[in-house]
N, C-alpha and C. Protein backbone atom coordinates (compact mmCIF):
# COMPACT_ATOMS: atom_id res chain seq x y z
N MET A 1 0.98 2.94 1.44
CA MET A 1 0.59 3.65 2.63
C MET A 1 0.70 5.16 2.34
N LEU A 2 -0.27 5.90 2.78
CA LEU A 2 -0.24 7.34 2.63
C LEU A 2 0.80 7.96 3.55
N LEU A 3 1.34 9.09 3.16
CA LEU A 3 2.38 9.72 3.95
C LEU A 3 1.90 10.09 5.35
N GLU A 4 0.69 10.60 5.46
CA GLU A 4 0.16 10.97 6.78
C GLU A 4 0.02 9.73 7.67
N GLU A 5 -0.39 8.62 7.09
CA GLU A 5 -0.51 7.38 7.86
C GLU A 5 0.87 6.89 8.31
N GLU A 6 1.83 6.98 7.40
CA GLU A 6 3.19 6.56 7.75
C GLU A 6 3.75 7.47 8.84
N LYS A 7 3.48 8.77 8.75
CA LYS A 7 3.94 9.72 9.77
C LYS A 7 3.40 9.32 11.15
N THR A 8 2.11 9.01 11.21
CA THR A 8 1.50 8.60 12.48
C THR A 8 2.13 7.32 13.01
N MET A 9 2.35 6.36 12.13
CA MET A 9 2.96 5.09 12.53
C MET A 9 4.38 5.32 13.07
N LEU A 10 5.14 6.17 12.39
CA LEU A 10 6.50 6.45 12.82
C LEU A 10 6.52 7.18 14.16
N GLU A 11 5.58 8.10 14.36
CA GLU A 11 5.47 8.79 15.64
C GLU A 11 5.22 7.79 16.77
N GLN A 12 4.36 6.82 16.51
CA GLN A 12 4.08 5.80 17.52
C GLN A 12 5.31 4.96 17.80
N GLN A 13 6.03 4.60 16.75
CA GLN A 13 7.24 3.79 16.92
C GLN A 13 8.29 4.54 17.72
N MET A 14 8.42 5.85 17.49
CA MET A 14 9.43 6.62 18.22
C MET A 14 9.10 6.71 19.71
N GLY A 15 7.85 6.53 20.06
CA GLY A 15 7.45 6.58 21.46
C GLY A 15 7.63 5.27 22.20
N GLU A 16 8.01 4.22 21.48
CA GLU A 16 8.20 2.92 22.11
C GLU A 16 9.52 2.86 22.87
N ALA A 17 9.45 2.45 24.11
CA ALA A 17 10.63 2.44 24.96
C ALA A 17 11.64 1.35 24.58
N GLU A 18 11.18 0.29 23.93
CA GLU A 18 12.08 -0.84 23.68
C GLU A 18 12.90 -0.70 22.38
N LEU A 19 12.84 0.43 21.72
CA LEU A 19 13.61 0.61 20.50
C LEU A 19 15.10 0.69 20.82
N THR A 20 15.89 0.03 19.99
CA THR A 20 17.34 0.17 20.11
C THR A 20 17.73 1.53 19.54
N HIS A 21 18.92 1.95 19.87
CA HIS A 21 19.41 3.23 19.35
C HIS A 21 19.42 3.22 17.82
N GLU A 22 19.86 2.12 17.24
CA GLU A 22 19.94 2.01 15.78
C GLU A 22 18.56 2.10 15.14
N LYS A 23 17.59 1.40 15.74
CA LYS A 23 16.23 1.41 15.19
C LYS A 23 15.61 2.79 15.36
N LEU A 24 15.86 3.44 16.49
CA LEU A 24 15.34 4.78 16.71
C LEU A 24 15.90 5.75 15.67
N MET A 25 17.17 5.64 15.36
CA MET A 25 17.79 6.49 14.35
C MET A 25 17.17 6.22 12.97
N GLU A 26 16.95 4.96 12.67
CA GLU A 26 16.34 4.58 11.39
C GLU A 26 14.93 5.17 11.28
N VAL A 27 14.14 5.01 12.32
CA VAL A 27 12.76 5.53 12.32
C VAL A 27 12.78 7.05 12.26
N SER A 28 13.67 7.66 13.01
CA SER A 28 13.77 9.12 13.02
C SER A 28 14.15 9.67 11.65
N ASN A 29 15.09 9.03 10.99
CA ASN A 29 15.49 9.45 9.65
C ASN A 29 14.34 9.33 8.67
N ARG A 30 13.61 8.23 8.73
CA ARG A 30 12.47 8.05 7.84
C ARG A 30 11.39 9.09 8.14
N PHE A 31 11.18 9.38 9.43
CA PHE A 31 10.20 10.39 9.83
C PHE A 31 10.55 11.74 9.20
N GLN A 32 11.81 12.11 9.26
CA GLN A 32 12.24 13.37 8.66
C GLN A 32 12.00 13.38 7.15
N GLN A 33 12.25 12.26 6.49
CA GLN A 33 12.01 12.17 5.05
C GLN A 33 10.52 12.30 4.73
N VAL A 34 9.68 11.66 5.54
CA VAL A 34 8.24 11.75 5.33
C VAL A 34 7.77 13.18 5.52
N LEU A 35 8.26 13.86 6.55
CA LEU A 35 7.89 15.27 6.76
C LEU A 35 8.31 16.13 5.57
N HIS A 36 9.50 15.88 5.05
CA HIS A 36 9.98 16.61 3.88
C HIS A 36 9.06 16.36 2.68
N ASP A 37 8.71 15.10 2.46
CA ASP A 37 7.83 14.75 1.33
C ASP A 37 6.46 15.40 1.48
N ILE A 38 5.92 15.41 2.69
CA ILE A 38 4.61 16.04 2.92
C ILE A 38 4.70 17.53 2.62
N ASP A 39 5.75 18.18 3.10
CA ASP A 39 5.92 19.60 2.85
C ASP A 39 6.04 19.89 1.36
N ALA A 40 6.83 19.10 0.66
CA ALA A 40 7.03 19.31 -0.78
C ALA A 40 5.72 19.14 -1.53
N LYS A 41 4.97 18.12 -1.19
CA LYS A 41 3.69 17.87 -1.88
C LYS A 41 2.67 18.95 -1.54
N THR A 42 2.69 19.44 -0.31
CA THR A 42 1.79 20.51 0.08
C THR A 42 2.11 21.79 -0.68
N MET A 43 3.40 22.09 -0.80
CA MET A 43 3.80 23.29 -1.55
C MET A 43 3.39 23.17 -3.02
N ARG A 44 3.56 22.01 -3.58
CA ARG A 44 3.17 21.81 -4.99
C ARG A 44 1.67 21.96 -5.15
N TRP A 45 0.90 21.43 -4.21
CA TRP A 45 -0.55 21.56 -4.28
C TRP A 45 -0.95 23.03 -4.20
N MET A 46 -0.27 23.80 -3.33
CA MET A 46 -0.58 25.22 -3.21
C MET A 46 -0.23 25.97 -4.49
N GLU A 47 0.89 25.62 -5.11
CA GLU A 47 1.26 26.24 -6.38
C GLU A 47 0.22 25.97 -7.45
N LEU A 48 -0.23 24.74 -7.54
CA LEU A 48 -1.24 24.39 -8.54
C LEU A 48 -2.57 25.07 -8.24
N ALA A 49 -2.91 25.22 -6.97
CA ALA A 49 -4.16 25.89 -6.60
C ALA A 49 -4.12 27.36 -7.02
N GLU A 50 -2.97 27.99 -6.92
CA GLU A 50 -2.83 29.39 -7.33
C GLU A 50 -2.99 29.55 -8.84
N ILE A 51 -2.48 28.58 -9.59
CA ILE A 51 -2.56 28.64 -11.05
C ILE A 51 -4.00 28.45 -11.52
N GLY A 52 -4.69 27.51 -10.88
CA GLY A 52 -6.04 27.14 -11.31
C GLY A 52 -7.04 28.04 -10.76
């Protein structure tokens, strides 16, 4: 699954009212990791674009 797709899926899951506190924390933590990964990959792409 692509990171952007996973981000969208996680956003949808966080909006679900029936999530337990534990599941919400799990989804929230994964969401933060996905955002970090997207940012890191975007920065790397920008660095490579400057070089090329």
